[in-house]
Full PDB file with SEQRES, HELIX, SHEET, SSBOND, CRYST1, ORIGX, SCALE, CONECT and MASTER records, all heavy atoms in Angstrom:
SEQRES   1 A   36  ILE GLN GLU ALA ARG SER GLU GLY LYS ALA TYR SER SER          
SEQRES   2 A   36  GLU GLU PHE SER SER LEU LEU ASP ASP VAL LYS SER LEU          
SEQRES   3 A   36  GLN THR LEU MET ALA ASP THR LEU THR LYS                      
HELIX    1 AA1 GLN A    2  SER A    6  1                                   5    
HELIX    2 AA2 SER A   13  LEU A   26  1                                  14    
HELIX    3 AA3 LEU A   29  THR A   35  1                                   7    
CRYST1    1.000    1.000    1.000  90.00  90.00  90.00 P 1           1          
ORIGX1      1.000000  0.000000  0.000000        0.00000                         
ORIGX2      0.000000  1.000000  0.000000        0.00000                         
ORIGX3      0.000000  0.000000  1.000000        0.00000                         
SCALE1      1.000000  0.000000  0.000000        0.00000                         
SCALE2      0.000000  1.000000  0.000000        0.00000                         
SCALE3      0.000000  0.000000  1.000000        0.00000                         
ATOM      1  N   ILE A   1       7.484  -4.324   3.058  1.00  0.00           N  
ATOM      2  CA  ILE A   1       7.130  -3.982   4.441  1.00  0.00           C  
ATOM      3  C   ILE A   1       8.017  -4.754   5.417  1.00  0.00           C  
ATOM      4  O   ILE A   1       8.556  -4.192   6.378  1.00  0.00           O  
ATOM      5  CB  ILE A   1       5.645  -4.293   4.703  1.00  0.00           C  
ATOM      6  CG1 ILE A   1       4.752  -3.406   3.836  1.00  0.00           C  
ATOM      7  CG2 ILE A   1       5.300  -4.075   6.183  1.00  0.00           C  
ATOM      8  CD1 ILE A   1       3.303  -3.837   3.824  1.00  0.00           C  
ATOM      9  N   GLN A   2       8.172  -6.071   5.162  1.00  0.00           N  
ATOM     10  CA  GLN A   2       9.018  -6.892   6.034  1.00  0.00           C  
ATOM     11  C   GLN A   2      10.454  -6.391   6.040  1.00  0.00           C  
ATOM     12  O   GLN A   2      11.101  -6.329   7.089  1.00  0.00           O  
ATOM     13  CB  GLN A   2       8.965  -8.345   5.571  1.00  0.00           C  
ATOM     14  CG  GLN A   2       7.616  -9.016   5.731  1.00  0.00           C  
ATOM     15  CD  GLN A   2       7.602 -10.399   5.102  1.00  0.00           C  
ATOM     16  OE1 GLN A   2       8.613 -11.088   5.031  1.00  0.00           O  
ATOM     17  NE2 GLN A   2       6.444 -10.811   4.617  1.00  0.00           N  
ATOM     18  N   GLU A   3      10.950  -6.031   4.856  1.00  0.00           N  
ATOM     19  CA  GLU A   3      12.324  -5.538   4.741  1.00  0.00           C  
ATOM     20  C   GLU A   3      12.508  -4.245   5.522  1.00  0.00           C  
ATOM     21  O   GLU A   3      13.491  -4.068   6.252  1.00  0.00           O  
ATOM     22  CB  GLU A   3      12.653  -5.305   3.266  1.00  0.00           C  
ATOM     23  CG  GLU A   3      14.009  -4.668   2.999  1.00  0.00           C  
ATOM     24  CD  GLU A   3      15.143  -5.673   2.993  1.00  0.00           C  
ATOM     25  OE1 GLU A   3      14.886  -6.872   3.198  1.00  0.00           O  
ATOM     26  OE2 GLU A   3      16.283  -5.242   2.790  1.00  0.00           O  
ATOM     27  N   ALA A   4      11.546  -3.343   5.366  1.00  0.00           N  
ATOM     28  CA  ALA A   4      11.646  -2.050   6.036  1.00  0.00           C  
ATOM     29  C   ALA A   4      11.695  -2.198   7.550  1.00  0.00           C  
ATOM     30  O   ALA A   4      12.486  -1.547   8.232  1.00  0.00           O  
ATOM     31  CB  ALA A   4      10.466  -1.162   5.636  1.00  0.00           C  
ATOM     32  N   ARG A   5      10.859  -3.093   8.061  1.00  0.00           N  
ATOM     33  CA  ARG A   5      10.795  -3.248   9.519  1.00  0.00           C  
ATOM     34  C   ARG A   5      11.965  -4.072  10.052  1.00  0.00           C  
ATOM     35  O   ARG A   5      12.520  -3.760  11.095  1.00  0.00           O  
ATOM     36  CB  ARG A   5       9.472  -3.914   9.899  1.00  0.00           C  
ATOM     37  CG  ARG A   5       8.256  -3.108   9.486  1.00  0.00           C  
ATOM     38  CD  ARG A   5       8.251  -1.707  10.081  1.00  0.00           C  
ATOM     39  NE  ARG A   5       7.928  -1.732  11.506  1.00  0.00           N  
ATOM     40  CZ  ARG A   5       8.235  -0.769  12.356  1.00  0.00           C  
ATOM     41  NH1 ARG A   5       8.917   0.286  11.944  1.00  0.00           N  
ATOM     42  NH2 ARG A   5       7.888  -0.853  13.616  1.00  0.00           N  
ATOM     43  N   SER A   6      12.345  -5.137   9.329  1.00  0.00           N  
ATOM     44  CA  SER A   6      13.413  -6.004   9.815  1.00  0.00           C  
ATOM     45  C   SER A   6      14.767  -5.303   9.793  1.00  0.00           C  
ATOM     46  O   SER A   6      15.637  -5.579  10.610  1.00  0.00           O  
ATOM     47  CB  SER A   6      13.488  -7.293   8.987  1.00  0.00           C  
ATOM     48  OG  SER A   6      13.866  -7.005   7.654  1.00  0.00           O  
ATOM     49  N   GLU A   7      14.940  -4.385   8.829  1.00  0.00           N  
ATOM     50  CA  GLU A   7      16.200  -3.652   8.727  1.00  0.00           C  
ATOM     51  C   GLU A   7      16.252  -2.470   9.690  1.00  0.00           C  
ATOM     52  O   GLU A   7      17.257  -1.772   9.769  1.00  0.00           O  
ATOM     53  CB  GLU A   7      16.398  -3.144   7.295  1.00  0.00           C  
ATOM     54  CG  GLU A   7      16.611  -4.233   6.262  1.00  0.00           C  
ATOM     55  CD  GLU A   7      17.942  -4.942   6.451  1.00  0.00           C  
ATOM     56  OE1 GLU A   7      18.910  -4.273   6.856  1.00  0.00           O  
ATOM     57  OE2 GLU A   7      18.000  -6.165   6.213  1.00  0.00           O  
ATOM     58  N   GLY A   8      15.150  -2.246  10.382  1.00  0.00           N  
ATOM     59  CA  GLY A   8      15.116  -1.140  11.327  1.00  0.00           C  
ATOM     60  C   GLY A   8      15.110   0.214  10.661  1.00  0.00           C  
ATOM     61  O   GLY A   8      15.501   1.223  11.252  1.00  0.00           O  
ATOM     62  N   LYS A   9      14.665   0.263   9.397  1.00  0.00           N  
ATOM     63  CA  LYS A   9      14.627   1.537   8.690  1.00  0.00           C  
ATOM     64  C   LYS A   9      13.474   2.391   9.213  1.00  0.00           C  
ATOM     65  O   LYS A   9      12.415   1.876   9.550  1.00  0.00           O  
ATOM     66  CB  LYS A   9      14.476   1.306   7.187  1.00  0.00           C  
ATOM     67  CG  LYS A   9      15.682   0.604   6.577  1.00  0.00           C  
ATOM     68  CD  LYS A   9      15.472   0.328   5.107  1.00  0.00           C  
ATOM     69  CE  LYS A   9      16.685  -0.399   4.519  1.00  0.00           C  
ATOM     70  NZ  LYS A   9      16.504  -0.738   3.107  1.00  0.00           N  
ATOM     71  N   ALA A  10      13.706   3.681   9.260  1.00  0.00           N  
ATOM     72  CA  ALA A  10      12.712   4.584   9.827  1.00  0.00           C  
ATOM     73  C   ALA A  10      11.804   5.128   8.738  1.00  0.00           C  
ATOM     74  O   ALA A  10      12.250   5.799   7.822  1.00  0.00           O  
ATOM     75  CB  ALA A  10      13.409   5.742  10.537  1.00  0.00           C  
ATOM     76  N   TYR A  11      10.551   4.811   8.835  1.00  0.00           N  
ATOM     77  CA  TYR A  11       9.556   5.317   7.889  1.00  0.00           C  
ATOM     78  C   TYR A  11       8.510   6.100   8.669  1.00  0.00           C  
ATOM     79  O   TYR A  11       8.111   5.714   9.760  1.00  0.00           O  
ATOM     80  CB  TYR A  11       8.888   4.171   7.132  1.00  0.00           C  
ATOM     81  CG  TYR A  11       9.787   3.529   6.115  1.00  0.00           C  
ATOM     82  CD1 TYR A  11      10.694   2.552   6.500  1.00  0.00           C  
ATOM     83  CD2 TYR A  11       9.761   3.921   4.788  1.00  0.00           C  
ATOM     84  CE1 TYR A  11      11.545   1.971   5.575  1.00  0.00           C  
ATOM     85  CE2 TYR A  11      10.604   3.345   3.853  1.00  0.00           C  
ATOM     86  CZ  TYR A  11      11.490   2.376   4.262  1.00  0.00           C  
ATOM     87  OH  TYR A  11      12.342   1.804   3.350  1.00  0.00           O  
ATOM     88  N   SER A  12       8.062   7.174   8.070  1.00  0.00           N  
ATOM     89  CA  SER A  12       7.055   7.988   8.738  1.00  0.00           C  
ATOM     90  C   SER A  12       5.704   7.311   8.665  1.00  0.00           C  
ATOM     91  O   SER A  12       5.428   6.477   7.798  1.00  0.00           O  
ATOM     92  CB  SER A  12       6.969   9.361   8.065  1.00  0.00           C  
ATOM     93  OG  SER A  12       6.456   9.225   6.762  1.00  0.00           O  
ATOM     94  N   SER A  13       4.817   7.678   9.607  1.00  0.00           N  
ATOM     95  CA  SER A  13       3.461   7.135   9.578  1.00  0.00           C  
ATOM     96  C   SER A  13       2.753   7.580   8.301  1.00  0.00           C  
ATOM     97  O   SER A  13       1.901   6.867   7.768  1.00  0.00           O  
ATOM     98  CB  SER A  13       2.679   7.599  10.813  1.00  0.00           C  
ATOM     99  OG  SER A  13       2.631   9.013  10.877  1.00  0.00           O  
ATOM    100  N   GLU A  14       3.143   8.768   7.774  1.00  0.00           N  
ATOM    101  CA  GLU A  14       2.556   9.248   6.514  1.00  0.00           C  
ATOM    102  C   GLU A  14       2.916   8.318   5.355  1.00  0.00           C  
ATOM    103  O   GLU A  14       2.115   8.089   4.449  1.00  0.00           O  
ATOM    104  CB  GLU A  14       3.033  10.669   6.211  1.00  0.00           C  
ATOM    105  CG  GLU A  14       2.447  11.742   7.118  1.00  0.00           C  
ATOM    106  CD  GLU A  14       3.162  11.837   8.453  1.00  0.00           C  
ATOM    107  OE1 GLU A  14       4.173  11.112   8.644  1.00  0.00           O  
ATOM    108  OE2 GLU A  14       2.712  12.609   9.306  1.00  0.00           O  
ATOM    109  N   GLU A  15       4.149   7.774   5.400  1.00  0.00           N  
ATOM    110  CA  GLU A  15       4.596   6.836   4.367  1.00  0.00           C  
ATOM    111  C   GLU A  15       3.708   5.605   4.341  1.00  0.00           C  
ATOM    112  O   GLU A  15       3.208   5.188   3.289  1.00  0.00           O  
ATOM    113  CB  GLU A  15       6.040   6.435   4.671  1.00  0.00           C  
ATOM    114  CG  GLU A  15       6.604   5.371   3.750  1.00  0.00           C  
ATOM    115  CD  GLU A  15       7.141   5.946   2.467  1.00  0.00           C  
ATOM    116  OE1 GLU A  15       7.309   7.164   2.383  1.00  0.00           O  
ATOM    117  OE2 GLU A  15       7.367   5.166   1.542  1.00  0.00           O  
ATOM    118  N   PHE A  16       3.495   5.019   5.506  1.00  0.00           N  
ATOM    119  CA  PHE A  16       2.660   3.824   5.578  1.00  0.00           C  
ATOM    120  C   PHE A  16       1.203   4.153   5.283  1.00  0.00           C  
ATOM    121  O   PHE A  16       0.481   3.351   4.708  1.00  0.00           O  
ATOM    122  CB  PHE A  16       2.795   3.174   6.957  1.00  0.00           C  
ATOM    123  CG  PHE A  16       4.074   2.407   7.125  1.00  0.00           C  
ATOM    124  CD1 PHE A  16       5.102   2.910   7.893  1.00  0.00           C  
ATOM    125  CD2 PHE A  16       4.258   1.181   6.502  1.00  0.00           C  
ATOM    126  CE1 PHE A  16       6.283   2.217   8.048  1.00  0.00           C  
ATOM    127  CE2 PHE A  16       5.444   0.469   6.651  1.00  0.00           C  
ATOM    128  CZ  PHE A  16       6.459   0.988   7.427  1.00  0.00           C  
ATOM    129  N   SER A  17       0.764   5.340   5.682  1.00  0.00           N  
ATOM    130  CA  SER A  17      -0.613   5.751   5.408  1.00  0.00           C  
ATOM    131  C   SER A  17      -0.864   5.863   3.914  1.00  0.00           C  
ATOM    132  O   SER A  17      -1.911   5.436   3.402  1.00  0.00           O  
ATOM    133  CB  SER A  17      -0.907   7.093   6.089  1.00  0.00           C  
ATOM    134  OG  SER A  17      -2.224   7.517   5.812  1.00  0.00           O  
ATOM    135  N   SER A  18       0.108   6.416   3.188  1.00  0.00           N  
ATOM    136  CA  SER A  18      -0.014   6.546   1.741  1.00  0.00           C  
ATOM    137  C   SER A  18      -0.073   5.174   1.081  1.00  0.00           C  
ATOM    138  O   SER A  18      -0.895   4.925   0.179  1.00  0.00           O  
ATOM    139  CB  SER A  18       1.174   7.341   1.188  1.00  0.00           C  
ATOM    140  OG  SER A  18       1.132   7.398  -0.216  1.00  0.00           O  
ATOM    141  N   LEU A  19       0.793   4.260   1.525  1.00  0.00           N  
ATOM    142  CA  LEU A  19       0.795   2.905   0.982  1.00  0.00           C  
ATOM    143  C   LEU A  19      -0.513   2.196   1.308  1.00  0.00           C  
ATOM    144  O   LEU A  19      -1.063   1.468   0.480  1.00  0.00           O  
ATOM    145  CB  LEU A  19       1.978   2.123   1.554  1.00  0.00           C  
ATOM    146  CG  LEU A  19       2.185   0.699   1.024  1.00  0.00           C  
ATOM    147  CD1 LEU A  19       2.363   0.700  -0.492  1.00  0.00           C  
ATOM    148  CD2 LEU A  19       3.373   0.041   1.698  1.00  0.00           C  
ATOM    149  N   LEU A  20      -1.038   2.421   2.513  1.00  0.00           N  
ATOM    150  CA  LEU A  20      -2.307   1.814   2.913  1.00  0.00           C  
ATOM    151  C   LEU A  20      -3.438   2.273   1.995  1.00  0.00           C  
ATOM    152  O   LEU A  20      -4.272   1.470   1.569  1.00  0.00           O  
ATOM    153  CB  LEU A  20      -2.613   2.174   4.366  1.00  0.00           C  
ATOM    154  CG  LEU A  20      -3.928   1.639   4.945  1.00  0.00           C  
ATOM    155  CD1 LEU A  20      -3.953   0.110   4.907  1.00  0.00           C  
ATOM    156  CD2 LEU A  20      -4.112   2.134   6.382  1.00  0.00           C  
ATOM    157  N   ASP A  21      -3.464   3.565   1.675  1.00  0.00           N  
ATOM    158  CA  ASP A  21      -4.488   4.095   0.760  1.00  0.00           C  
ATOM    159  C   ASP A  21      -4.394   3.431  -0.609  1.00  0.00           C  
ATOM    160  O   ASP A  21      -5.416   3.100  -1.228  1.00  0.00           O  
ATOM    161  CB  ASP A  21      -4.337   5.611   0.609  1.00  0.00           C  
ATOM    162  CG  ASP A  21      -4.751   6.373   1.857  1.00  0.00           C  
ATOM    163  OD1 ASP A  21      -5.461   5.792   2.698  1.00  0.00           O  
ATOM    164  OD2 ASP A  21      -4.355   7.544   2.001  1.00  0.00           O  
ATOM    165  N   ASP A  22      -3.145   3.233  -1.087  1.00  0.00           N  
ATOM    166  CA  ASP A  22      -2.949   2.590  -2.384  1.00  0.00           C  
ATOM    167  C   ASP A  22      -3.462   1.155  -2.362  1.00  0.00           C  
ATOM    168  O   ASP A  22      -4.139   0.703  -3.293  1.00  0.00           O  
ATOM    169  CB  ASP A  22      -1.466   2.592  -2.763  1.00  0.00           C  
ATOM    170  CG  ASP A  22      -0.966   3.973  -3.154  1.00  0.00           C  
ATOM    171  OD1 ASP A  22      -1.803   4.869  -3.365  1.00  0.00           O  
ATOM    172  OD2 ASP A  22       0.258   4.153  -3.240  1.00  0.00           O  
ATOM    173  N   VAL A  23      -3.135   0.432  -1.294  1.00  0.00           N  
ATOM    174  CA  VAL A  23      -3.547  -0.972  -1.191  1.00  0.00           C  
ATOM    175  C   VAL A  23      -5.068  -1.083  -1.150  1.00  0.00           C  
ATOM    176  O   VAL A  23      -5.652  -1.958  -1.795  1.00  0.00           O  
ATOM    177  CB  VAL A  23      -2.913  -1.618   0.062  1.00  0.00           C  
ATOM    178  CG1 VAL A  23      -3.563  -2.964   0.369  1.00  0.00           C  
ATOM    179  CG2 VAL A  23      -1.410  -1.800  -0.142  1.00  0.00           C  
ATOM    180  N   LYS A  24      -5.722  -0.189  -0.419  1.00  0.00           N  
ATOM    181  CA  LYS A  24      -7.187  -0.198  -0.374  1.00  0.00           C  
ATOM    182  C   LYS A  24      -7.768   0.037  -1.763  1.00  0.00           C  
ATOM    183  O   LYS A  24      -8.723  -0.638  -2.179  1.00  0.00           O  
ATOM    184  CB  LYS A  24      -7.686   0.896   0.583  1.00  0.00           C  
ATOM    185  CG  LYS A  24      -7.469   0.593   2.053  1.00  0.00           C  
ATOM    186  CD  LYS A  24      -7.987   1.756   2.904  1.00  0.00           C  
ATOM    187  CE  LYS A  24      -7.801   1.500   4.384  1.00  0.00           C  
ATOM    188  NZ  LYS A  24      -8.256   2.658   5.199  1.00  0.00           N  
ATOM    189  N   SER A  25      -7.204   0.993  -2.492  1.00  0.00           N  
ATOM    190  CA  SER A  25      -7.699   1.329  -3.824  1.00  0.00           C  
ATOM    191  C   SER A  25      -7.544   0.167  -4.786  1.00  0.00           C  
ATOM    192  O   SER A  25      -8.432  -0.108  -5.612  1.00  0.00           O  
ATOM    193  CB  SER A  25      -6.951   2.556  -4.361  1.00  0.00           C  
ATOM    194  OG  SER A  25      -7.263   2.788  -5.710  1.00  0.00           O  
ATOM    195  N   LEU A  26      -6.439  -0.554  -4.678  1.00  0.00           N  
ATOM    196  CA  LEU A  26      -6.143  -1.613  -5.636  1.00  0.00           C  
ATOM    197  C   LEU A  26      -6.973  -2.877  -5.412  1.00  0.00           C  
ATOM    198  O   LEU A  26      -7.011  -3.754  -6.273  1.00  0.00           O  
ATOM    199  CB  LEU A  26      -4.654  -1.959  -5.577  1.00  0.00           C  
ATOM    200  CG  LEU A  26      -3.720  -0.854  -6.082  1.00  0.00           C  
ATOM    201  CD1 LEU A  26      -2.268  -1.243  -5.837  1.00  0.00           C  
ATOM    202  CD2 LEU A  26      -3.956  -0.572  -7.557  1.00  0.00           C  
ATOM    203  N   GLN A  27      -7.659  -2.969  -4.283  1.00  0.00           N  
ATOM    204  CA  GLN A  27      -8.492  -4.145  -4.031  1.00  0.00           C  
ATOM    205  C   GLN A  27      -9.641  -4.253  -5.027  1.00  0.00           C  
ATOM    206  O   GLN A  27     -10.174  -5.335  -5.267  1.00  0.00           O  
ATOM    207  CB  GLN A  27      -9.025  -4.121  -2.598  1.00  0.00           C  
ATOM    208  CG  GLN A  27      -7.957  -4.418  -1.561  1.00  0.00           C  
ATOM    209  CD  GLN A  27      -8.469  -4.284  -0.139  1.00  0.00           C  
ATOM    210  OE1 GLN A  27      -9.588  -4.656   0.167  1.00  0.00           O  
ATOM    211  NE2 GLN A  27      -7.644  -3.749   0.740  1.00  0.00           N  
ATOM    212  N   THR A  28     -10.044  -3.144  -5.621  1.00  0.00           N  
ATOM    213  CA  THR A  28     -11.127  -3.166  -6.608  1.00  0.00           C  
ATOM    214  C   THR A  28     -10.599  -3.038  -8.042  1.00  0.00           C  
ATOM    215  O   THR A  28     -11.383  -2.873  -8.974  1.00  0.00           O  
ATOM    216  CB  THR A  28     -12.130  -2.028  -6.348  1.00  0.00           C  
ATOM    217  OG1 THR A  28     -11.458  -0.759  -6.498  1.00  0.00           O  
ATOM    218  CG2 THR A  28     -12.721  -2.128  -4.948  1.00  0.00           C  
ATOM    219  N   LEU A  29      -9.282  -3.123  -8.201  1.00  0.00           N  
ATOM    220  CA  LEU A  29      -8.677  -2.891  -9.519  1.00  0.00           C  
ATOM    221  C   LEU A  29      -9.197  -3.864 -10.571  1.00  0.00           C  
ATOM    222  O   LEU A  29      -9.553  -3.457 -11.685  1.00  0.00           O  
ATOM    223  CB  LEU A  29      -7.150  -2.990  -9.412  1.00  0.00           C  
ATOM    224  CG  LEU A  29      -6.367  -2.848 -10.722  1.00  0.00           C  
ATOM    225  CD1 LEU A  29      -6.670  -1.519 -11.395  1.00  0.00           C  
ATOM    226  CD2 LEU A  29      -4.866  -2.979 -10.463  1.00  0.00           C  
ATOM    227  N   MET A  30      -9.239  -5.151 -10.246  1.00  0.00           N  
ATOM    228  CA  MET A  30      -9.678  -6.129 -11.237  1.00  0.00           C  
ATOM    229  C   MET A  30     -11.118  -5.874 -11.665  1.00  0.00           C  
ATOM    230  O   MET A  30     -11.425  -5.854 -12.861  1.00  0.00           O  
ATOM    231  CB  MET A  30      -9.535  -7.542 -10.663  1.00  0.00           C  
ATOM    232  CG  MET A  30      -8.104  -8.044 -10.611  1.00  0.00           C  
ATOM    233  SD  MET A  30      -7.327  -8.217 -12.244  1.00  0.00           S  
ATOM    234  CE  MET A  30      -8.385  -9.449 -12.979  1.00  0.00           C  
ATOM    235  N   ALA A  31     -12.010  -5.684 -10.704  1.00  0.00           N  
ATOM    236  CA  ALA A  31     -13.418  -5.466 -11.036  1.00  0.00           C  
ATOM    237  C   ALA A  31     -13.595  -4.189 -11.854  1.00  0.00           C  
ATOM    238  O   ALA A  31     -14.340  -4.166 -12.844  1.00  0.00           O  
ATOM    239  CB  ALA A  31     -14.256  -5.403  -9.762  1.00  0.00           C  
ATOM    240  N   ASP A  32     -12.907  -3.126 -11.445  1.00  0.00           N  
ATOM    241  CA  ASP A  32     -13.017  -1.852 -12.158  1.00  0.00           C  
ATOM    242  C   ASP A  32     -12.507  -1.972 -13.591  1.00  0.00           C  
ATOM    243  O   ASP A  32     -13.121  -1.465 -14.540  1.00  0.00           O  
ATOM    244  CB  ASP A  32     -12.225  -0.764 -11.427  1.00  0.00           C  
ATOM    245  CG  ASP A  32     -12.800  -0.433 -10.060  1.00  0.00           C  
ATOM    246  OD1 ASP A  32     -13.963  -0.796  -9.800  1.00  0.00           O  
ATOM    247  OD2 ASP A  32     -12.077   0.186  -9.255  1.00  0.00           O  
ATOM    248  N   THR A  33     -11.370  -2.644 -13.759  1.00  0.00           N  
ATOM    249  CA  THR A  33     -10.759  -2.779 -15.082  1.00  0.00           C  
ATOM    250  C   THR A  33     -11.626  -3.627 -16.005  1.00  0.00           C  
ATOM    251  O   THR A  33     -11.830  -3.287 -17.173  1.00  0.00           O  
ATOM    252  CB  THR A  33      -9.361  -3.416 -14.960  1.00  0.00           C  
ATOM    253  OG1 THR A  33      -8.534  -2.596 -14.119  1.00  0.00           O  
ATOM    254  CG2 THR A  33      -8.695  -3.533 -16.314  1.00  0.00           C  
ATOM    255  N   LEU A  34     -12.145  -4.730 -15.473  1.00  0.00           N  
ATOM    256  CA  LEU A  34     -12.983  -5.605 -16.290  1.00  0.00           C  
ATOM    257  C   LEU A  34     -14.297  -4.936 -16.670  1.00  0.00           C  
ATOM    258  O   LEU A  34     -14.797  -5.120 -17.787  1.00  0.00           O  
ATOM    259  CB  LEU A  34     -13.252  -6.912 -15.538  1.00  0.00           C  
ATOM    260  CG  LEU A  34     -12.029  -7.826 -15.357  1.00  0.00           C  
ATOM    261  CD1 LEU A  34     -12.353  -8.962 -14.393  1.00  0.00           C  
ATOM    262  CD2 LEU A  34     -11.567  -8.395 -16.691  1.00  0.00           C  
ATOM    263  N   THR A  35     -14.844  -4.145 -15.753  1.00  0.00           N  
ATOM    264  CA  THR A  35     -16.089  -3.418 -16.052  1.00  0.00           C  
ATOM    265  C   THR A  35     -15.875  -2.444 -17.197  1.00  0.00           C  
ATOM    266  O   THR A  35     -16.686  -2.366 -18.138  1.00  0.00           O  
ATOM    267  CB  THR A  35     -16.575  -2.661 -14.810  1.00  0.00           C  
ATOM    268  OG1 THR A  35     -16.888  -3.603 -13.778  1.00  0.00           O  
ATOM    269  CG2 THR A  35     -17.818  -1.829 -15.122  1.00  0.00           C  
ATOM    270  N   LYS A  36     -14.778  -1.704 -17.140  1.00  0.00           N  
ATOM    271  CA  LYS A  36     -14.472  -0.758 -18.203  1.00  0.00           C  
ATOM    272  C   LYS A  36     -14.224  -1.486 -19.518  1.00  0.00           C  
ATOM    273  O   LYS A  36     -14.674  -1.055 -20.591  1.00  0.00           O  
ATOM    274  CB  LYS A  36     -13.245   0.069 -17.827  1.00  0.00           C  
ATOM    275  CG  LYS A  36     -12.896   1.144 -18.851  1.00  0.00           C  
ATOM    276  CD  LYS A  36     -11.723   1.989 -18.376  1.00  0.00           C  
ATOM    277  CE  LYS A  36     -11.372   3.060 -19.407  1.00  0.00           C  
ATOM    278  NZ  LYS A  36     -10.214   3.874 -18.968  1.00  0.00           N  
TER     279      LYS A  36                                                      
MASTER        0    0    0    3    0    0    0    6  278    1    0    3          
END                                                                             
């Protein structure tokens, strides 16, 4: 994220939205994996 913004690279809001969804999902990864 820092690289993308500091380099002035253009990313769509959809790009960041998709990454945001992934990050939210992964917050429960450890608990979900251990439960299984």
